[in-house]
């Protein structure tokens, strides 16, 4: 993860973890 840029790391995390917060808002 350290090798990958911050943007890539964030994107990977978002893909790994589903948008539960967004669903809760809905």
Protein backbone atom coordinates (compact mmCIF):
# COMPACT_ATOMS: atom_id res chain seq x y z
CA UNK A 1 0.00 0.00 0.00
CA UNK A 2 2.85 2.35 0.82
CA UNK A 3 4.17 1.89 -2.72
CA UNK A 4 0.84 2.90 -4.22
CA UNK A 5 -0.11 6.59 -4.20
CA UNK A 6 -2.60 7.94 -1.68
CA UNK A 7 -5.32 8.19 -4.33
CA UNK A 8 -4.88 4.56 -5.36
CA UNK A 9 -4.89 3.46 -1.71
CA UNK A 10 -8.10 5.37 -1.02
CA UNK A 11 -9.77 3.99 -4.14
CA UNK A 12 -8.75 0.43 -3.23
CA UNK A 13 -10.12 0.89 0.29
CA UNK A 14 -13.41 2.23 -1.08
CA UNK A 15 -13.73 -0.79 -3.39
CA UNK A 16 -12.89 -3.21 -0.56
CA UNK A 17 -15.39 -1.58 1.81
CA UNK A 18 -18.94 -1.08 0.47
CA UNK A 19 -20.50 2.41 0.81
CA UNK A 20 -22.45 1.54 3.96
CA UNK A 21 -22.52 5.18 5.10
CA UNK A 22 -24.10 6.26 1.82
CA UNK A 23 -26.76 3.58 2.11
CA UNK A 24 -27.52 4.66 5.68
CA UNK A 25 -28.03 8.23 4.48
CA UNK A 26 -30.55 7.00 1.93
